[in-house]
PDB file of N, CA and C in Angstrom:
ATOM      1  N   UNK A   1     -13.047  85.255 190.671  1.00  0.00           N
ATOM      2  CA  UNK A   1     -14.493  85.243 190.352  1.00  0.00           C
ATOM      3  C   UNK A   1     -15.350  84.066 190.845  1.00  0.00           C
ATOM      4  N   UNK A   2     -16.630  84.222 190.845  1.00  0.00           N
ATOM      5  CA  UNK A   2     -17.403  83.042 191.246  1.00  0.00           C
ATOM      6  C   UNK A   2     -18.095  82.493 190.349  1.00  0.00           C
ATOM      7  N   UNK A   3     -18.225  80.723 190.437  1.00  0.00           N
ATOM      8  CA  UNK A   3     -18.591  79.694 189.458  1.00  0.00           C
ATOM      9  C   UNK A   3     -20.085  80.146 189.176  1.00  0.00           C
ATOM     10  N   UNK A   4     -20.760  80.296 188.187  1.00  0.00           N
ATOM     11  CA  UNK A   4     -21.590  80.065 188.027  1.00  0.00           C
ATOM     12  C   UNK A   4     -22.456  79.565 186.778  1.00  0.00           C
ATOM     13  N   UNK A   5     -23.722  78.583 186.747  1.00  0.00           N
ATOM     14  CA  UNK A   5     -24.268  77.902 186.258  1.00  0.00           C
ATOM     15  C   UNK A   5     -24.589  78.875 184.834  1.00  0.00           C
ATOM     16  N   UNK A   6     -24.148  78.778 183.466  1.00  0.00           N
ATOM     17  CA  UNK A   6     -25.130  79.490 182.654  1.00  0.00           C
ATOM     18  C   UNK A   6     -26.690  79.449 182.815  1.00  0.00           C
ATOM     19  N   UNK A   7     -27.363  80.386 182.196  1.00  0.00           N
ATOM     20  CA  UNK A   7     -28.821  80.340 182.167  1.00  0.00           C
ATOM     21  C   UNK A   7     -29.391  79.327 181.567  1.00  0.00           C
ATOM     22  N   UNK A   8     -28.740  78.463 180.413  1.00  0.00           N
ATOM     23  CA  UNK A   8     -29.209  77.156 180.202  1.00  0.00           C
ATOM     24  C   UNK A   8     -29.824  76.530 180.996  1.00  0.00           C
ATOM     25  N   UNK A   9     -28.082  76.068 181.659  1.00  0.00           N
ATOM     26  CA  UNK A   9     -28.213  75.297 182.679  1.00  0.00           C
ATOM     27  C   UNK A   9     -28.815  75.139 183.950  1.00  0.00           C
ATOM     28  N   UNK A  10     -29.382  76.545 184.395  1.00  0.00           N
ATOM     29  CA  UNK A  10     -30.050  77.335 185.132  1.00  0.00           C
ATOM     30  C   UNK A  10     -31.630  77.077 185.433  1.00  0.00           C
ATOM     31  N   UNK A  11     -32.114  77.077 183.886  1.00  0.00           N
ATOM     32  CA  UNK A  11     -33.241  76.609 183.581  1.00  0.00           C
ATOM     33  C   UNK A  11     -33.668  75.233 183.481  1.00  0.00           C
ATOM     34  N   UNK A  12     -32.537  74.660 182.964  1.00  0.00           N
ATOM     35  CA  UNK A  12     -33.291  72.965 183.029  1.00  0.00           C
ATOM     36  C   UNK A  12     -33.703  72.636 184.439  1.00  0.00           C
ATOM     37  N   UNK A  13     -32.605  73.079 185.375  1.00  0.00           N
ATOM     38  CA  UNK A  13     -32.454  72.409 187.027  1.00  0.00           C
ATOM     39  C   UNK A  13     -34.057  73.057 187.057  1.00  0.00           C
ATOM     40  N   UNK A  14     -34.496  74.887 186.959  1.00  0.00           N
ATOM     41  CA  UNK A  14     -35.718  75.234 187.463  1.00  0.00           C
ATOM     42  C   UNK A  14     -37.092  74.423 186.680  1.00  0.00           C
ATOM     43  N   UNK A  15     -36.608  73.853 185.339  1.00  0.00           N
ATOM     44  CA  UNK A  15     -38.410  73.323 184.475  1.00  0.00           C
ATOM     45  C   UNK A  15     -38.429  71.890 185.179  1.00  0.00           C
ATOM     46  N   UNK A  16     -36.679  71.438 185.540  1.00  0.00           N
ATOM     47  CA  UNK A  16     -36.898  69.806 186.354  1.00  0.00           C
ATOM     48  C   UNK A  16     -37.848  69.642 187.363  1.00  0.00           C
ATOM     49  N   UNK A  17     -38.446  70.808 188.175  1.00  0.00           N
ATOM     50  CA  UNK A  17     -38.947  71.194 189.334  1.00  0.00           C
ATOM     51  C   UNK A  17     -40.034  72.281 189.500  1.00  0.00           C
ATOM     52  N   UNK A  18     -40.252  72.796 188.513  1.00  0.00           N
ATOM     53  CA  UNK A  18     -41.323  73.538 188.572  1.00  0.00           C
ATOM     54  C   UNK A  18     -42.496  72.968 189.035  1.00  0.00           C
ATOM     55  N   UNK A  19     -43.055  71.910 188.818  1.00  0.00           N
ATOM     56  CA  UNK A  19     -44.617  71.723 189.412  1.00  0.00           C
ATOM     57  C   UNK A  19     -44.381  70.798 190.815  1.00  0.00           C
ATOM     58  N   UNK A  20     -42.851  70.545 190.992  1.00  0.00           N
ATOM     59  CA  UNK A  20     -43.011  69.592 191.938  1.00  0.00           C
ATOM     60  C   UNK A  20     -43.877  70.038 193.735  1.00  0.00           C
ATOM     61  N   UNK A  21     -44.209  69.619 194.180  1.00  0.00           N
ATOM     62  CA  UNK A  21     -44.884  69.414 195.337  1.00  0.00           C
ATOM     63  C   UNK A  21     -44.524  69.106 196.888  1.00  0.00           C
ATOM     64  N   UNK A  22     -42.874  68.081 196.622  1.00  0.00           N
ATOM     65  CA  UNK A  22     -42.844  66.885 197.503  1.00  0.00           C
ATOM     66  C   UNK A  22     -43.109  65.827 196.889  1.00  0.00           C
ATOM     67  N   UNK A  23     -42.842  64.943 198.061  1.00  0.00           N
ATOM     68  CA  UNK A  23     -42.696  63.419 197.927  1.00  0.00           C
ATOM     69  C   UNK A  23     -41.569  63.230 196.913  1.00  0.00           C
ATOM     70  N   UNK A  24     -41.827  62.389 195.952  1.00  0.00           N
ATOM     71  CA  UNK A  24     -40.874  61.606 194.877  1.00  0.00           C
ATOM     72  C   UNK A  24     -39.801  62.731 193.740  1.00  0.00           C
ATOM     73  N   UNK A  25     -38.763  62.290 193.887  1.00  0.00           N
ATOM     74  CA  UNK A  25     -38.039  62.899 192.951  1.00  0.00           C
ATOM     75  C   UNK A  25     -38.682  62.673 191.828  1.00  0.00           C
ATOM     76  N   UNK A  26     -38.747  64.219 190.849  1.00  0.00           N
ATOM     77  CA  UNK A  26     -38.634  64.235 189.149  1.00  0.00           C
ATOM     78  C   UNK A  26     -38.346  63.518 188.273  1.00  0.00           C
ATOM     79  N   UNK A  27     -38.302  62.211 187.680  1.00  0.00           N
ATOM     80  CA  UNK A  27     -37.095  61.248 187.029  1.00  0.00           C
ATOM     81  C   UNK A  27     -36.449  62.338 186.209  1.00  0.00           C
ATOM     82  N   UNK A  28     -36.621  63.393 185.558  1.00  0.00           N
ATOM     83  CA  UNK A  28     -36.078  64.387 184.881  1.00  0.00           C
ATOM     84  C   UNK A  28     -34.733  64.982 185.727  1.00  0.00           C
ATOM     85  N   UNK A  29     -35.190  65.473 187.198  1.00  0.00           N
ATOM     86  CA  UNK A  29     -34.263  65.750 187.827  1.00  0.00           C
ATOM     87  C   UNK A  29     -33.361  64.723 188.504  1.00  0.00           C
ATOM     88  N   UNK A  30     -33.999  63.827 188.494  1.00  0.00           N
ATOM     89  CA  UNK A  30     -32.637  62.945 188.654  1.00  0.00           C
ATOM     90  C   UNK A  30     -32.094  62.985 187.661  1.00  0.00           C
ATOM     91  N   UNK A  31     -32.288  62.598 186.284  1.00  0.00           N
ATOM     92  CA  UNK A  31     -31.148  62.808 185.279  1.00  0.00           C
ATOM     93  C   UNK A  31     -30.260  63.690 185.420  1.00  0.00           C
ATOM     94  N   UNK A  32     -31.086  64.779 185.540  1.00  0.00           N
ATOM     95  CA  UNK A  32     -29.662  66.065 186.335  1.00  0.00           C
ATOM     96  C   UNK A  32     -28.825  66.158 186.744  1.00  0.00           C
ATOM     97  N   UNK A  33     -29.354  65.807 187.939  1.00  0.00           N
ATOM     98  CA  UNK A  33     -28.304  64.962 189.282  1.00  0.00           C
ATOM     99  C   UNK A  33     -27.348  64.387 189.084  1.00  0.00           C
ATOM    100  N   UNK A  34     -27.695  63.417 188.364  1.00  0.00           N
ATOM    101  CA  UNK A  34     -26.872  62.832 187.595  1.00  0.00           C
ATOM    102  C   UNK A  34     -25.460  63.008 186.725  1.00  0.00           C
ATOM    103  N   UNK A  35     -25.981  64.401 186.080  1.00  0.00           N
ATOM    104  CA  UNK A  35     -25.338  64.827 185.114  1.00  0.00           C
ATOM    105  C   UNK A  35     -23.976  65.452 186.323  1.00  0.00           C
ATOM    106  N   UNK A  36     -24.826  66.429 187.323  1.00  0.00           N
ATOM    107  CA  UNK A  36     -23.857  67.190 188.108  1.00  0.00           C
ATOM    108  C   UNK A  36     -23.325  66.415 188.953  1.00  0.00           C
ATOM    109  N   UNK A  37     -23.118  64.775 189.138  1.00  0.00           N
ATOM    110  CA  UNK A  37     -22.652  64.217 190.297  1.00  0.00           C
ATOM    111  C   UNK A  37     -23.271  64.660 191.659  1.00  0.00           C
ATOM    112  N   UNK A  38     -24.536  64.521 191.635  1.00  0.00           N
ATOM    113  CA  UNK A  38     -25.035  64.917 192.617  1.00  0.00           C
ATOM    114  C   UNK A  38     -25.968  63.504 192.998  1.00  0.00           C
ATOM    115  N   UNK A  39     -25.280  62.867 194.027  1.00  0.00           N
ATOM    116  CA  UNK A  39     -26.169  61.670 194.872  1.00  0.00           C
ATOM    117  C   UNK A  39     -27.250  62.039 195.709  1.00  0.00           C
ATOM    118  N   UNK A  40     -28.587  61.262 195.721  1.00  0.00           N
ATOM    119  CA  UNK A  40     -29.300  62.054 197.235  1.00  0.00           C
ATOM    120  C   UNK A  40     -30.117  60.515 197.921  1.00  0.00           C
ATOM    121  N   UNK A  41     -30.686  60.755 198.990  1.00  0.00           N
ATOM    122  CA  UNK A  41     -31.386  59.719 199.353  1.00  0.00           C
ATOM    123  C   UNK A  41     -32.141  59.966 200.511  1.00  0.00           C
ATOM    124  N   UNK A  42     -33.230  59.265 201.402  1.00  0.00           N
ATOM    125  CA  UNK A  42     -34.055  60.177 202.344  1.00  0.00           C
ATOM    126  C   UNK A  42     -33.556  59.799 203.720  1.00  0.00           C
ATOM    127  N   UNK A  43     -33.479  60.303 204.692  1.00  0.00           N
ATOM    128  CA  UNK A  43     -32.843  60.265 206.113  1.00  0.00           C
ATOM    129  C   UNK A  43     -34.073  60.063 206.684  1.00  0.00           C
ATOM    130  N   UNK A  44     -33.945  59.190 207.783  1.00  0.00           N
ATOM    131  CA  UNK A  44     -34.608  59.263 209.344  1.00  0.00           C
ATOM    132  C   UNK A  44     -35.713  60.156 209.707  1.00  0.00           C
ATOM    133  N   UNK A  45     -34.779  61.371 209.155  1.00  0.00           N
ATOM    134  CA  UNK A  45     -36.665  62.432 209.217  1.00  0.00           C
ATOM    135  C   UNK A  45     -37.414  62.645 208.579  1.00  0.00           C
ATOM    136  N   UNK A  46     -37.418  61.887 207.263  1.00  0.00           N
ATOM    137  CA  UNK A  46     -38.255  62.557 206.311  1.00  0.00           C
ATOM    138  C   UNK A  46     -37.976  63.608 205.244  1.00  0.00           C
ATOM    139  N   UNK A  47     -36.415  63.484 205.573  1.00  0.00           N
ATOM    140  CA  UNK A  47     -36.259  64.569 204.799  1.00  0.00           C
ATOM    141  C   UNK A  47     -35.233  64.362 203.038  1.00  0.00           C
ATOM    142  N   UNK A  48     -35.196  64.917 202.186  1.00  0.00           N
ATOM    143  CA  UNK A  48     -34.177  64.758 201.037  1.00  0.00           C
ATOM    144  C   UNK A  48     -32.784  64.821 201.372  1.00  0.00           C
ATOM    145  N   UNK A  49     -31.920  64.237 201.548  1.00  0.00           N
ATOM    146  CA  UNK A  49     -30.505  64.571 201.872  1.00  0.00           C
ATOM    147  C   UNK A  49     -29.800  64.476 200.537  1.00  0.00           C
ATOM    148  N   UNK A  50     -29.148  65.573 199.759  1.00  0.00           N
ATOM    149  CA  UNK A  50     -28.495  65.740 198.688  1.00  0.00           C
ATOM    150  C   UNK A  50     -27.191  66.117 198.566  1.00  0.00           C
ATOM    151  N   UNK A  51     -25.978  64.874 198.183  1.00  0.00           N
ATOM    152  CA  UNK A  51     -24.690  65.262 198.361  1.00  0.00           C
ATOM    153  C   UNK A  51     -23.518  65.661 197.173  1.00  0.00           C
ATOM    154  N   UNK A  52     -22.704  66.241 197.613  1.00  0.00           N
ATOM    155  CA  UNK A  52     -21.681  66.246 196.102  1.00  0.00           C
ATOM    156  C   UNK A  52     -20.503  67.012 196.572  1.00  0.00           C
ATOM    157  N   UNK A  53     -19.552  66.140 196.436  1.00  0.00           N
ATOM    158  CA  UNK A  53     -18.316  66.286 196.856  1.00  0.00           C
ATOM    159  C   UNK A  53     -17.928  66.436 198.244  1.00  0.00           C
ATOM    160  N   UNK A  54     -18.772  65.539 199.251  1.00  0.00           N
ATOM    161  CA  UNK A  54     -18.643  65.314 200.576  1.00  0.00           C
ATOM    162  C   UNK A  54     -19.585  66.497 201.337  1.00  0.00           C
ATOM    163  N   UNK A  55     -20.344  67.079 200.379  1.00  0.00           N
ATOM    164  CA  UNK A  55     -20.700  67.995 201.235  1.00  0.00           C
ATOM    165  C   UNK A  55     -22.733  67.608 200.940  1.00  0.00           C
ATOM    166  N   UNK A  56     -23.120  68.031 201.734  1.00  0.00           N
ATOM    167  CA  UNK A  56     -24.687  67.477 202.347  1.00  0.00           C
ATOM    168  C   UNK A  56     -25.583  68.567 202.341  1.00  0.00           C
ATOM    169  N   UNK A  57     -26.878  69.224 201.814  1.00  0.00           N
ATOM    170  CA  UNK A  57     -27.855  69.862 201.985  1.00  0.00           C
ATOM    171  C   UNK A  57     -29.148  69.149 202.135  1.00  0.00           C
ATOM    172  N   UNK A  58     -30.155  69.114 202.872  1.00  0.00           N
ATOM    173  CA  UNK A  58     -31.161  68.356 202.861  1.00  0.00           C
ATOM    174  C   UNK A  58     -32.583  69.595 203.009  1.00  0.00           C
ATOM    175  N   UNK A  59     -33.671  68.924 202.478  1.00  0.00           N
ATOM    176  CA  UNK A  59     -34.929  69.595 202.458  1.00  0.00           C
ATOM    177  C   UNK A  59     -35.966  68.565 201.925  1.00  0.00           C
ATOM    178  N   UNK A  60     -37.327  69.530 202.923  1.00  0.00           N
ATOM    179  CA  UNK A  60     -38.309  68.746 203.329  1.00  0.00           C
ATOM    180  C   UNK A  60     -38.506  67.323 202.187  1.00  0.00           C
ATOM    181  N   UNK A  61     -39.264  66.164 202.096  1.00  0.00           N
ATOM    182  CA  UNK A  61     -40.177  66.018 201.291  1.00  0.00           C
ATOM    183  C   UNK A  61     -41.148  65.578 201.137  1.00  0.00           C
ATOM    184  N   UNK A  62     -41.972  66.826 202.132  1.00  0.00           N
ATOM    185  CA  UNK A  62     -43.376  66.957 202.182  1.00  0.00           C
ATOM    186  C   UNK A  62     -43.460  68.149 202.736  1.00  0.00           C
ATOM    187  N   UNK A  63     -43.677  69.031 200.821  1.00  0.00           N
ATOM    188  CA  UNK A  63     -44.049  70.674 201.396  1.00  0.00           C
ATOM    189  C   UNK A  63     -45.605  70.615 200.680  1.00  0.00           C
ATOM    190  N   UNK A  64     -46.440  71.268 201.492  1.00  0.00           N
ATOM    191  CA  UNK A  64     -47.266  72.304 200.460  1.00  0.00           C
ATOM    192  C   UNK A  64     -47.011  73.167 200.156  1.00  0.00           C
ATOM    193  N   UNK A  65     -46.264  73.741 200.199  1.00  0.00           N
ATOM    194  CA  UNK A  65     -45.867  74.771 199.468  1.00  0.00           C
ATOM    195  C   UNK A  65     -45.650  74.928 198.020  1.00  0.00           C
ATOM    196  N   UNK A  66     -46.920  75.606 197.778  1.00  0.00           N
ATOM    197  CA  UNK A  66     -46.985  75.745 196.176  1.00  0.00           C
ATOM    198  C   UNK A  66     -45.398  76.107 195.506  1.00  0.00           C
ATOM    199  N   UNK A  67     -44.556  76.341 195.839  1.00  0.00           N
ATOM    200  CA  UNK A  67     -43.170  77.217 195.760  1.00  0.00           C
ATOM    201  C   UNK A  67     -42.412  76.031 195.661  1.00  0.00           C
ATOM    202  N   UNK A  68     -42.488  74.819 196.500  1.00  0.00           N
ATOM    203  CA  UNK A  68     -41.763  74.062 196.731  1.00  0.00           C
ATOM    204  C   UNK A  68     -40.430  73.527 195.506  1.00  0.00           C
ATOM    205  N   UNK A  69     -40.873  73.379 194.518  1.00  0.00           N
ATOM    206  CA  UNK A  69     -40.428  73.136 192.928  1.00  0.00           C
ATOM    207  C   UNK A  69     -39.394  73.712 192.847  1.00  0.00           C
ATOM    208  N   UNK A  70     -39.670  75.625 193.147  1.00  0.00           N
ATOM    209  CA  UNK A  70     -38.820  76.377 192.508  1.00  0.00           C
ATOM    210  C   UNK A  70     -37.769  76.774 193.396  1.00  0.00           C
ATOM    211  N   UNK A  71     -38.226  76.393 195.104  1.00  0.00           N
ATOM    212  CA  UNK A  71     -37.370  76.727 196.247  1.00  0.00           C
ATOM    213  C   UNK A  71     -35.921  75.601 196.050  1.00  0.00           C
ATOM    214  N   UNK A  72     -36.471  74.480 195.649  1.00  0.00           N
ATOM    215  CA  UNK A  72     -35.366  73.235 195.357  1.00  0.00           C
ATOM    216  C   UNK A  72     -35.116  73.277 194.545  1.00  0.00           C
ATOM    217  N   UNK A  73     -35.139  73.921 193.047  1.00  0.00           N
ATOM    218  CA  UNK A  73     -34.406  74.689 192.432  1.00  0.00           C
ATOM    219  C   UNK A  73     -33.159  75.748 192.374  1.00  0.00           C
ATOM    220  N   UNK A  74     -33.697  76.491 193.107  1.00  0.00           N
ATOM    221  CA  UNK A  74     -32.566  77.525 193.584  1.00  0.00           C
ATOM    222  C   UNK A  74     -31.586  76.603 194.662  1.00  0.00           C
ATOM    223  N   UNK A  75     -32.273  75.961 195.616  1.00  0.00           N
ATOM    224  CA  UNK A  75     -31.154  75.058 196.493  1.00  0.00           C
ATOM    225  C   UNK A  75     -30.440  74.383 195.615  1.00  0.00           C
ATOM    226  N   UNK A  76     -30.769  73.722 194.692  1.00  0.00           N
ATOM    227  CA  UNK A  76     -29.522  72.943 193.959  1.00  0.00           C
ATOM    228  C   UNK A  76     -28.549  73.562 193.147  1.00  0.00           C
ATOM    229  N   UNK A  77     -29.192  74.933 192.655  1.00  0.00           N
ATOM    230  CA  UNK A  77     -28.401  75.596 192.272  1.00  0.00           C
ATOM    231  C   UNK A  77     -27.250  76.143 193.109  1.00  0.00           C
ATOM    232  N   UNK A  78     -27.330  76.937 193.888  1.00  0.00           N
ATOM    233  CA  UNK A  78     -26.642  77.264 195.454  1.00  0.00           C
ATOM    234  C   UNK A  78     -25.592  76.260 194.875  1.00  0.00           C
ATOM    235  N   UNK A  79     -26.133  74.785 195.188  1.00  0.00           N
ATOM    236  CA  UNK A  79     -25.286  74.256 196.065  1.00  0.00           C
ATOM    237  C   UNK A  79     -24.379  73.441 195.554  1.00  0.00           C
ATOM    238  N   UNK A  80     -24.691  73.287 193.955  1.00  0.00           N
ATOM    239  CA  UNK A  80     -23.759  73.110 192.710  1.00  0.00           C
ATOM    240  C   UNK A  80     -23.031  74.333 192.634  1.00  0.00           C
ATOM    241  N   UNK A  81     -23.268  75.412 192.271  1.00  0.00           N
ATOM    242  CA  UNK A  81     -22.115  76.560 192.115  1.00  0.00           C
ATOM    243  C   UNK A  81     -21.408  76.362 193.246  1.00  0.00           C
ATOM    244  N   UNK A  82     -21.514  76.391 194.608  1.00  0.00           N
ATOM    245  CA  UNK A  82     -20.855  76.795 195.768  1.00  0.00           C
ATOM    246  C   UNK A  82     -19.855  75.502 195.495  1.00  0.00           C
ATOM    247  N   UNK A  83     -20.492  74.233 195.407  1.00  0.00           N
ATOM    248  CA  UNK A  83     -19.453  72.993 195.201  1.00  0.00           C
ATOM    249  C   UNK A  83     -18.679  73.336 194.461  1.00  0.00           C
ATOM    250  N   UNK A  84     -18.430  73.869 192.938  1.00  0.00           N
ATOM    251  CA  UNK A  84     -17.667  73.823 192.027  1.00  0.00           C
ATOM    252  C   UNK A  84     -16.509  75.306 192.236  1.00  0.00           C
ATOM    253  N   UNK A  85     -17.280  76.025 192.854  1.00  0.00           N
ATOM    254  CA  UNK A  85     -16.607  77.241 193.304  1.00  0.00           C
ATOM    255  C   UNK A  85     -15.449  76.326 194.265  1.00  0.00           C
ATOM    256  N   UNK A  86     -15.524  75.950 194.976  1.00  0.00           N
ATOM    257  CA  UNK A  86     -14.638  75.718 195.794  1.00  0.00           C
ATOM    258  C   UNK A  86     -13.466  74.470 195.240  1.00  0.00           C
ATOM    259  N   UNK A  87     -14.155  74.037 194.188  1.00  0.00           N
ATOM    260  CA  UNK A  87     -13.162  72.653 193.485  1.00  0.00           C
ATOM    261  C   UNK A  87     -12.500  73.617 193.163  1.00  0.00           C
ATOM    262  N   UNK A  88     -12.814  74.989 192.235  1.00  0.00           N
ATOM    263  CA  UNK A  88     -12.001  75.717 191.539  1.00  0.00           C
ATOM    264  C   UNK A  88     -10.908  76.173 192.292  1.00  0.00           C
ATOM    265  N   UNK A  89     -11.096  76.787 193.619  1.00  0.00           N
ATOM    266  CA  UNK A  89     -10.393  77.482 194.307  1.00  0.00           C
ATOM    267  C   UNK A  89      -9.149  76.796 194.834  1.00  0.00           C
ATOM    268  N   UNK A  90      -9.633  75.018 194.783  1.00  0.00           N
ATOM    269  CA  UNK A  90      -8.308  74.376 195.452  1.00  0.00           C
ATOM    270  C   UNK A  90      -6.822  74.218 194.830  1.00  0.00           C
TER     271      UNK A  90
END
């Protein structure tokens, strides 16, 4: 059985980044990531790094793509689900 966030949890993440076009992490997203234990920073190459349970994903800080926020939301949801699935399987 795969771990899945509830629809409400997924919607909360997606809504927090819906209008994001890069640059600074929205305050609401920072609060939500804290709730899931995700830490983040910016690496020397200008990409965000998101950390959870000793795993890391990267995402561009500067994106001209109008779907940047939606893409980040989906990437974070997948990251949370994969990490929690691994935690369950241990």
